[in-house]
C-alpha atoms as a PDB file:
ATOM      1  CA  ILE A   1     -53.275 -36.292  20.171  1.00  0.00           C
ATOM      2  CA  SER A   2     -50.741 -33.723  21.248  1.00  0.00           C
ATOM      3  CA  GLY A   3     -47.150 -33.180  20.797  1.00  0.00           C
ATOM      4  CA  THR A   4     -44.459 -31.003  19.670  1.00  0.00           C
ATOM      5  CA  TYR A   5     -43.960 -30.001  16.086  1.00  0.00           C
ATOM      6  CA  LEU A   6     -40.716 -31.624  14.544  1.00  0.00           C
ATOM      7  CA  GLU A   7     -38.623 -28.917  13.008  1.00  0.00           C
ATOM      8  CA  PRO A   8     -37.834 -30.408   9.454  1.00  0.00           C
ATOM      9  CA  GLU A   9     -34.062 -29.522   9.545  1.00  0.00           C
ATOM     10  CA  ASN A  10     -33.535 -31.193  12.957  1.00  0.00           C
ATOM     11  CA  THR A  11     -35.233 -34.453  12.183  1.00  0.00           C
ATOM     12  CA  GLN A  12     -33.582 -36.807   9.833  1.00  0.00           C
ATOM     13  CA  ILE A  13     -35.548 -39.820   8.571  1.00  0.00           C
ATOM     14  CA  GLN A  14     -33.728 -43.007   8.506  1.00  0.00           C
ATOM     15  CA  LEU A  15     -34.449 -45.017   5.464  1.00  0.00           C
ATOM     16  CA  GLU A  16     -33.829 -48.799   5.287  1.00  0.00           C
ATOM     17  CA  ALA A  17     -33.127 -50.747   2.086  1.00  0.00           C
ATOM     18  CA  GLY A  18     -36.270 -51.704   0.425  1.00  0.00           C
ATOM     19  CA  TRP A  19     -39.775 -49.859   1.527  1.00  0.00           C
ATOM     20  CA  ASN A  20     -40.339 -47.267   3.946  1.00  0.00           C
ATOM     21  CA  MET A  21     -43.227 -45.016   5.286  1.00  0.00           C
ATOM     22  CA  ILE A  22     -42.461 -41.588   5.922  1.00  0.00           C
ATOM     23  CA  GLY A  23     -44.143 -38.461   7.261  1.00  0.00           C
ATOM     24  CA  TYR A  24     -43.726 -35.025   5.497  1.00  0.00           C
ATOM     25  CA  LEU A  25     -42.618 -32.679   7.817  1.00  0.00           C
ATOM     26  CA  ARG A  26     -42.811 -29.256   6.161  1.00  0.00           C
ATOM     27  CA  THR A  27     -45.914 -26.959   6.508  1.00  0.00           C
ATOM     28  CA  ASP A  28     -45.810 -26.120   2.829  1.00  0.00           C
ATOM     29  CA  GLU A  29     -46.467 -27.931  -0.426  1.00  0.00           C
ATOM     30  CA  VAL A  30     -43.290 -28.891  -2.307  1.00  0.00           C
ATOM     31  CA  SER A  31     -42.915 -31.185  -5.214  1.00  0.00           C
ATOM     32  CA  ALA A  32     -41.933 -34.763  -4.598  1.00  0.00           C
ATOM     33  CA  VAL A  33     -39.436 -34.529  -7.209  1.00  0.00           C
ATOM     34  CA  SER A  34     -37.808 -31.612  -5.232  1.00  0.00           C
ATOM     35  CA  ILE A  35     -37.976 -33.252  -2.019  1.00  0.00           C
ATOM     36  CA  LEU A  36     -36.354 -36.641  -3.087  1.00  0.00           C
ATOM     37  CA  ALA A  37     -33.855 -35.052  -5.315  1.00  0.00           C
ATOM     38  CA  ASP A  38     -30.957 -36.156  -3.296  1.00  0.00           C
ATOM     39  CA  LEU A  39     -32.146 -39.842  -2.865  1.00  0.00           C
ATOM     40  CA  ASN A  40     -32.593 -39.531  -6.809  1.00  0.00           C
ATOM     41  CA  ASP A  41     -29.262 -37.866  -7.641  1.00  0.00           C
ATOM     42  CA  SER A  42     -27.427 -40.594  -5.777  1.00  0.00           C
ATOM     43  CA  GLY A  43     -29.436 -43.248  -7.874  1.00  0.00           C
ATOM     44  CA  ASN A  44     -30.855 -44.796  -4.658  1.00  0.00           C
ATOM     45  CA  LEU A  45     -34.556 -43.923  -5.228  1.00  0.00           C
ATOM     46  CA  VAL A  46     -36.722 -46.614  -7.178  1.00  0.00           C
ATOM     47  CA  ILE A  47     -40.249 -45.338  -6.505  1.00  0.00           C
ATOM     48  CA  ALA A  48     -42.291 -43.173  -4.296  1.00  0.00           C
ATOM     49  CA  LYS A  49     -45.995 -43.348  -3.837  1.00  0.00           C
ATOM     50  CA  ASP A  50     -49.014 -41.565  -2.094  1.00  0.00           C
ATOM     51  CA  TYR A  51     -52.130 -43.036  -0.588  1.00  0.00           C
ATOM     52  CA  LEU A  52     -53.814 -42.657  -3.651  1.00  0.00           C
ATOM     53  CA  GLY A  53     -51.416 -44.918  -5.602  1.00  0.00           C
ATOM     54  CA  GLY A  54     -49.772 -42.036  -7.268  1.00  0.00           C
ATOM     55  CA  ALA A  55     -46.369 -42.694  -8.216  1.00  0.00           C
ATOM     56  CA  TYR A  56     -43.335 -40.951  -8.961  1.00  0.00           C
ATOM     57  CA  LEU A  57     -40.842 -43.027 -11.005  1.00  0.00           C
ATOM     58  CA  PRO A  58     -37.679 -41.368 -11.500  1.00  0.00           C
ATOM     59  CA  GLU A  59     -36.245 -43.888 -13.902  1.00  0.00           C
ATOM     60  CA  TRP A  60     -38.932 -42.888 -16.360  1.00  0.00           C
ATOM     61  CA  GLY A  61     -39.284 -39.262 -15.448  1.00  0.00           C
ATOM     62  CA  PHE A  62     -42.959 -39.717 -14.375  1.00  0.00           C
ATOM     63  CA  ASN A  63     -44.298 -37.790 -11.462  1.00  0.00           C
ATOM     64  CA  GLY A  64     -47.799 -38.933 -10.436  1.00  0.00           C
ATOM     65  CA  ILE A  65     -47.585 -37.536  -7.006  1.00  0.00           C
ATOM     66  CA  GLY A  66     -47.162 -33.810  -7.781  1.00  0.00           C
ATOM     67  CA  LEU A  67     -46.759 -31.888  -4.443  1.00  0.00           C
ATOM     68  CA  MET A  68     -46.084 -33.519  -1.033  1.00  0.00           C
ATOM     69  CA  GLU A  69     -48.685 -32.285   1.385  1.00  0.00           C
ATOM     70  CA  PRO A  70     -48.321 -31.470   5.014  1.00  0.00           C
ATOM     71  CA  GLY A  71     -50.013 -34.102   7.384  1.00  0.00           C
ATOM     72  CA  LYS A  72     -49.846 -36.915   4.688  1.00  0.00           C
ATOM     73  CA  GLY A  73     -47.761 -39.989   4.603  1.00  0.00           C
ATOM     74  CA  TYR A  74     -45.587 -41.556   1.710  1.00  0.00           C
ATOM     75  CA  GLN A  75     -44.187 -44.782   0.636  1.00  0.00           C
ATOM     76  CA  VAL A  76     -40.542 -44.758  -0.557  1.00  0.00           C
ATOM     77  CA  LYS A  77     -38.413 -47.556  -1.898  1.00  0.00           C
ATOM     78  CA  THR A  78     -34.680 -47.261  -1.817  1.00  0.00           C
ATOM     79  CA  ILE A  79     -31.912 -49.532  -3.063  1.00  0.00           C
ATOM     80  CA  SER A  80     -29.753 -49.153   0.187  1.00  0.00           C
ATOM     81  CA  ALA A  81     -30.181 -47.529   3.728  1.00  0.00           C
ATOM     82  CA  ASP A  82     -30.249 -43.835   3.452  1.00  0.00           C
ATOM     83  CA  VAL A  83     -31.316 -40.510   5.202  1.00  0.00           C
ATOM     84  CA  LEU A  84     -33.975 -37.993   4.238  1.00  0.00           C
ATOM     85  CA  GLU A  85     -33.217 -34.549   5.430  1.00  0.00           C
ATOM     86  CA  TYR A  86     -35.812 -31.741   4.868  1.00  0.00           C
ATOM     87  CA  LEU A  87     -34.569 -28.219   4.197  1.00  0.00           C
ATOM     88  CA  PRO A  88     -35.685 -25.737   7.218  1.00  0.00           C
ATOM     89  CA  MET A  89     -38.895 -23.688   6.528  1.00  0.00           C
ATOM     90  CA  SER A  90     -36.747 -20.696   6.090  1.00  0.00           C
ATOM     91  CA  GLN A  91     -35.390 -22.061   2.874  1.00  0.00           C
ATOM     92  CA  GLU A  92     -37.192 -22.717  -0.362  1.00  0.00           C
ATOM     93  CA  TYR A  93     -36.695 -25.903  -2.660  1.00  0.00           C
ATOM     94  CA  ARG A  94     -35.701 -25.227  -6.182  1.00  0.00           C
ATOM     95  CA  ASN A  95     -38.831 -25.587  -8.607  1.00  0.00           C
ATOM     96  CA  SER A  96     -38.783 -28.996 -10.331  1.00  0.00           C
ATOM     97  CA  PRO A  97     -38.594 -29.293 -14.003  1.00  0.00           C
ATOM     98  CA  ILE A  98     -40.632 -32.553 -13.965  1.00  0.00           C
ATOM     99  CA  GLU A  99     -44.461 -31.497 -13.382  1.00  0.00           C
ATOM    100  CA  LYS A 100     -47.306 -33.552 -12.096  1.00  0.00           C
ATOM    101  CA  THR A 101     -48.698 -35.843 -14.723  1.00  0.00           C
ATOM    102  CA  ASP A 102     -52.457 -35.975 -14.505  1.00  0.00           C
ATOM    103  CA  ASN A 103     -53.658 -39.408 -15.377  1.00  0.00           C
ATOM    104  CA  THR A 104     -56.950 -39.334 -13.469  1.00  0.00           C
ATOM    105  CA  PRO A 105     -59.534 -41.386 -15.734  1.00  0.00           C
ATOM    106  CA  THR A 106     -63.044 -40.322 -16.261  1.00  0.00           C
ATOM    107  CA  HIS A 107     -64.513 -42.967 -18.677  1.00  0.00           C
ATOM    108  CA  TYR A 108     -63.436 -45.847 -16.325  1.00  0.00           C
ATOM    109  CA  GLY A 109     -63.424 -43.876 -13.123  1.00  0.00           C
ATOM    110  CA  GLN A 110     -61.336 -44.446 -10.016  1.00  0.00           C
ATOM    111  CA  SER A 111     -60.984 -48.013  -9.118  1.00  0.00           C
ATOM    112  CA  LYS A 112     -61.575 -48.915  -5.453  1.00  0.00           C
ATOM    113  CA  ILE A 113     -58.471 -47.777  -3.295  1.00  0.00           C
ATOM    114  CA  THR A 114     -57.286 -50.357  -0.589  1.00  0.00           C
ATOM    115  CA  ASP A 115     -54.304 -50.899   1.525  1.00  0.00           C
ATOM    116  CA  HIS A 116     -52.079 -52.119  -1.232  1.00  0.00           C
ATOM    117  CA  ASN A 117     -51.142 -51.785  -4.869  1.00  0.00           C
ATOM    118  CA  MET A 118     -48.723 -52.292  -7.755  1.00  0.00           C
ATOM    119  CA  SER A 119     -47.697 -50.311 -10.692  1.00  0.00           C
ATOM    120  CA  ILE A 120     -47.742 -50.998 -14.486  1.00  0.00           C
ATOM    121  CA  VAL A 121     -45.577 -48.982 -16.865  1.00  0.00           C
ATOM    122  CA  ILE A 122     -46.019 -48.595 -20.499  1.00  0.00           C
ATOM    123  CA  LEU A 123     -43.708 -46.562 -22.625  1.00  0.00           C
ATOM    124  CA  ASP A 124     -44.842 -45.143 -25.857  1.00  0.00           C
ATOM    125  CA  ASN A 125     -42.537 -47.208 -27.925  1.00  0.00           C
ATOM    126  CA  ALA A 126     -44.102 -50.591 -26.464  1.00  0.00           C
ATOM    127  CA  TRP A 127     -47.317 -49.622 -28.280  1.00  0.00           C
ATOM    128  CA  GLU A 128     -48.068 -51.236 -31.458  1.00  0.00           C
ATOM    129  CA  GLN A 129     -50.434 -48.364 -32.295  1.00  0.00           C
ATOM    130  CA  LYS A 130     -50.158 -45.426 -29.901  1.00  0.00           C
ATOM    131  CA  PRO A 131     -53.634 -44.628 -28.302  1.00  0.00           C
ATOM    132  CA  ASN A 132     -55.464 -41.321 -29.032  1.00  0.00           C
ATOM    133  CA  ILE A 133     -54.987 -38.477 -26.489  1.00  0.00           C
ATOM    134  CA  ASP A 134     -57.522 -38.760 -23.437  1.00  0.00           C
ATOM    135  CA  SER A 135     -58.172 -42.444 -24.045  1.00  0.00           C
ATOM    136  CA  GLU A 136     -57.915 -44.461 -20.862  1.00  0.00           C
ATOM    137  CA  ILE A 137     -56.430 -47.908 -19.594  1.00  0.00           C
ATOM    138  CA  ALA A 138     -58.269 -50.144 -17.187  1.00  0.00           C
ATOM    139  CA  VAL A 139     -57.191 -53.394 -15.599  1.00  0.00           C
ATOM    140  CA  PHE A 140     -59.637 -56.081 -14.601  1.00  0.00           C
ATOM    141  CA  ASN A 141     -59.665 -59.397 -12.666  1.00  0.00           C
ATOM    142  CA  ASN A 142     -60.721 -62.796 -13.859  1.00  0.00           C
ATOM    143  CA  ILE A 143     -64.411 -62.109 -13.031  1.00  0.00           C
ATOM    144  CA  GLY A 144     -64.443 -58.765 -14.714  1.00  0.00           C
ATOM    145  CA  ILE A 145     -64.149 -56.405 -11.626  1.00  0.00           C
ATOM    146  CA  GLN A 146     -62.213 -53.067 -12.326  1.00  0.00           C
ATOM    147  CA  VAL A 147     -58.977 -53.187 -10.320  1.00  0.00           C
ATOM    148  CA  GLY A 148     -56.982 -50.139 -11.920  1.00  0.00           C
ATOM    149  CA  SER A 149     -57.413 -47.326 -14.184  1.00  0.00           C
ATOM    150  CA  ALA A 150     -55.428 -44.457 -15.645  1.00  0.00           C
ATOM    151  CA  LYS A 151     -55.499 -42.031 -18.589  1.00  0.00           C
ATOM    152  CA  TYR A 152     -53.051 -42.724 -21.285  1.00  0.00           C
ATOM    153  CA  THR A 153     -50.101 -40.302 -20.991  1.00  0.00           C
ATOM    154  CA  SER A 154     -47.155 -39.639 -23.473  1.00  0.00           C
ATOM    155  CA  PRO A 155     -44.376 -40.448 -23.323  1.00  0.00           C
ATOM    156  CA  VAL A 156     -45.050 -42.780 -20.357  1.00  0.00           C
ATOM    157  CA  SER A 157     -48.279 -44.267 -18.934  1.00  0.00           C
ATOM    158  CA  VAL A 158     -48.572 -45.692 -15.369  1.00  0.00           C
ATOM    159  CA  VAL A 159     -51.510 -47.796 -14.144  1.00  0.00           C
ATOM    160  CA  THR A 160     -51.897 -48.406 -10.493  1.00  0.00           C
ATOM    161  CA  VAL A 161     -53.299 -51.840  -9.873  1.00  0.00           C
ATOM    162  CA  TRP A 162     -55.106 -52.393  -6.397  1.00  0.00           C
ATOM    163  CA  GLY A 163     -54.796 -55.599  -4.350  1.00  0.00           C
ATOM    164  CA  ASP A 164     -57.726 -57.176  -2.480  1.00  0.00           C
ATOM    165  CA  ASP A 165     -58.677 -55.808   1.062  1.00  0.00           C
ATOM    166  CA  THR A 166     -58.857 -59.168   3.126  1.00  0.00           C
ATOM    167  CA  GLN A 167     -60.773 -57.313   5.669  1.00  0.00           C
ATOM    168  CA  THR A 168     -63.962 -56.923   3.610  1.00  0.00           C
ATOM    169  CA  GLU A 169     -66.322 -59.563   2.173  1.00  0.00           C
ATOM    170  CA  ASN A 170     -66.402 -58.419  -1.136  1.00  0.00           C
ATOM    171  CA  ILE A 171     -63.745 -58.972  -3.740  1.00  0.00           C
ATOM    172  CA  ASP A 172     -62.329 -55.444  -4.310  1.00  0.00           C
ATOM    173  CA  GLY A 173     -58.915 -56.115  -5.757  1.00  0.00           C
ATOM    174  CA  LEU A 174     -56.413 -58.856  -6.940  1.00  0.00           C
ATOM    175  CA  LEU A 175     -55.002 -61.521  -4.889  1.00  0.00           C
ATOM    176  CA  LYS A 176     -51.457 -62.473  -4.795  1.00  0.00           C
ATOM    177  CA  ASN A 177     -50.261 -63.765  -8.044  1.00  0.00           C
ATOM    178  CA  GLU A 178     -53.736 -63.629  -9.503  1.00  0.00           C
ATOM    179  CA  SER A 179     -53.872 -62.795 -13.364  1.00  0.00           C
ATOM    180  CA  PHE A 180     -55.491 -59.590 -14.883  1.00  0.00           C
ATOM    181  CA  THR A 181     -56.366 -58.338 -18.310  1.00  0.00           C
ATOM    182  CA  LEU A 182     -56.346 -54.684 -19.888  1.00  0.00           C
ATOM    183  CA  ARG A 183     -58.708 -52.951 -21.795  1.00  0.00           C
ATOM    184  CA  LEU A 184     -58.501 -49.473 -23.667  1.00  0.00           C
ATOM    185  CA  TRP A 185     -61.168 -46.838 -24.135  1.00  0.00           C
ATOM    186  CA  ASP A 186     -60.520 -45.109 -27.234  1.00  0.00           C
ATOM    187  CA  SER A 187     -61.261 -41.354 -26.881  1.00  0.00           C
ATOM    188  CA  GLU A 188     -62.012 -40.812 -30.697  1.00  0.00           C
ATOM    189  CA  THR A 189     -64.445 -43.653 -31.287  1.00  0.00           C
ATOM    190  CA  SER A 190     -65.798 -44.197 -27.652  1.00  0.00           C
ATOM    191  CA  LYS A 191     -65.060 -47.812 -27.997  1.00  0.00           C
ATOM    192  CA  ASP A 192     -63.575 -50.540 -25.444  1.00  0.00           C
ATOM    193  CA  LEU A 193     -60.826 -52.507 -26.989  1.00  0.00           C
ATOM    194  CA  GLU A 194     -59.192 -55.452 -25.488  1.00  0.00           C
ATOM    195  CA  LEU A 195     -55.501 -55.066 -25.094  1.00  0.00           C
ATOM    196  CA  LYS A 196     -53.087 -57.948 -25.743  1.00  0.00           C
ATOM    197  CA  VAL A 197     -49.540 -58.040 -24.094  1.00  0.00           C
ATOM    198  CA  SER A 198     -47.002 -59.778 -26.319  1.00  0.00           C
ATOM    199  CA  SER A 199     -43.975 -59.141 -23.949  1.00  0.00           C
ATOM    200  CA  TRP A 200     -42.997 -57.984 -20.646  1.00  0.00           C
ATOM    201  CA  ILE A 201     -39.708 -56.175 -19.855  1.00  0.00           C
ATOM    202  CA  SER A 202     -40.161 -57.005 -15.954  1.00  0.00           C
ATOM    203  CA  GLY A 203     -42.912 -58.808 -14.225  1.00  0.00           C
ATOM    204  CA  GLY A 204     -46.157 -60.059 -16.014  1.00  0.00           C
ATOM    205  CA  ASP A 205     -50.006 -60.281 -16.027  1.00  0.00           C
ATOM    206  CA  PHE A 206     -50.028 -61.175 -12.341  1.00  0.00           C
ATOM    207  CA  TYR A 207     -50.270 -59.221  -9.108  1.00  0.00           C
ATOM    208  CA  GLU A 208     -47.433 -58.567  -6.608  1.00  0.00           C
ATOM    209  CA  THR A 209     -47.897 -56.002  -3.751  1.00  0.00           C
ATOM    210  CA  ASN A 210     -45.597 -53.016  -4.506  1.00  0.00           C
ATOM    211  CA  ALA A 211     -44.097 -54.296  -7.623  1.00  0.00           C
ATOM    212  CA  ILE A 212     -43.465 -52.342 -10.847  1.00  0.00           C
ATOM    213  CA  HIS A 213     -44.132 -54.362 -13.910  1.00  0.00           C
ATOM    214  CA  GLN A 214     -43.071 -52.812 -17.427  1.00  0.00           C
ATOM    215  CA  ILE A 215     -44.830 -53.951 -20.640  1.00  0.00           C
ATOM    216  CA  GLY A 216     -42.579 -54.619 -23.706  1.00  0.00           C
ATOM    217  CA  SER A 217     -45.101 -54.969 -26.401  1.00  0.00           C
ATOM    218  CA  ILE A 218     -48.688 -54.215 -26.290  1.00  0.00           C
ATOM    219  CA  SER A 219     -51.660 -53.951 -29.080  1.00  0.00           C
ATOM    220  CA  GLN A 220     -55.071 -53.214 -29.481  1.00  0.00           C
ATOM    221  CA  GLU A 221     -57.390 -56.079 -30.403  1.00  0.00           C
ATOM    222  CA  GLN A 222     -60.976 -56.544 -31.147  1.00  0.00           C
ATOM    223  CA  HIS A 223     -63.960 -54.824 -29.325  1.00  0.00           C
ATOM    224  CA  ALA A 224     -64.356 -56.127 -25.750  1.00  0.00           C
ATOM    225  CA  SER A 225     -67.669 -57.324 -24.339  1.00  0.00           C
ATOM    226  CA  ASP A 226     -69.634 -55.383 -22.066  1.00  0.00           C
ATOM    227  CA  SER A 227     -69.548 -57.705 -19.097  1.00  0.00           C
ATOM    228  CA  PHE A 228     -67.088 -55.993 -17.118  1.00  0.00           C
ATOM    229  CA  GLU A 229     -68.011 -54.076 -13.785  1.00  0.00           C
ATOM    230  CA  PHE A 230     -66.526 -50.339 -13.610  1.00  0.00           C
END
């Protein structure tokens, strides 16, 4: 493939209301918070995601993307139509006060990445008992296959949950409206605990592509069985 480099300042990206796929046109790495600041300042940015499911959720001040990288694409959801304009390479963006939150799990490991996902948001005040630092949250489907995982982070935890890839024979994610369960690995006791969600602020314990479901109340239950696949 050959072509002409698109000068960032001369290439406006038209955004439709709802979901958009955008390219990152600069040749340096810049915080997603800085790049999308104008959209956020106008109250028009709902969420931005990278291909790994890392999410920037301005409503909760959560930056799971970190730096936007040359040559990579991103999903952006806006409330209404808008325009994304990059600064020229001769100008630098101001540093973002919201640094990347590293919520990469080690105990549960990375769930299989497919072509669609959703996000679960858990604020600290939703926990009946807040998890210990470095504890991890995982999501499982009805037959025990892990479909999402993330490290607990304060004051907000975000878990990316992956949908099933219909182009494969194996089940590797959740189907539309399929229910799921959550578990917690306690970093201090090294025990797996079942999690019980008493209420949802938005959404529920079912899968919707590109949705944002927020838990209202969650508690740690008895030890879970070992019949789940990581």
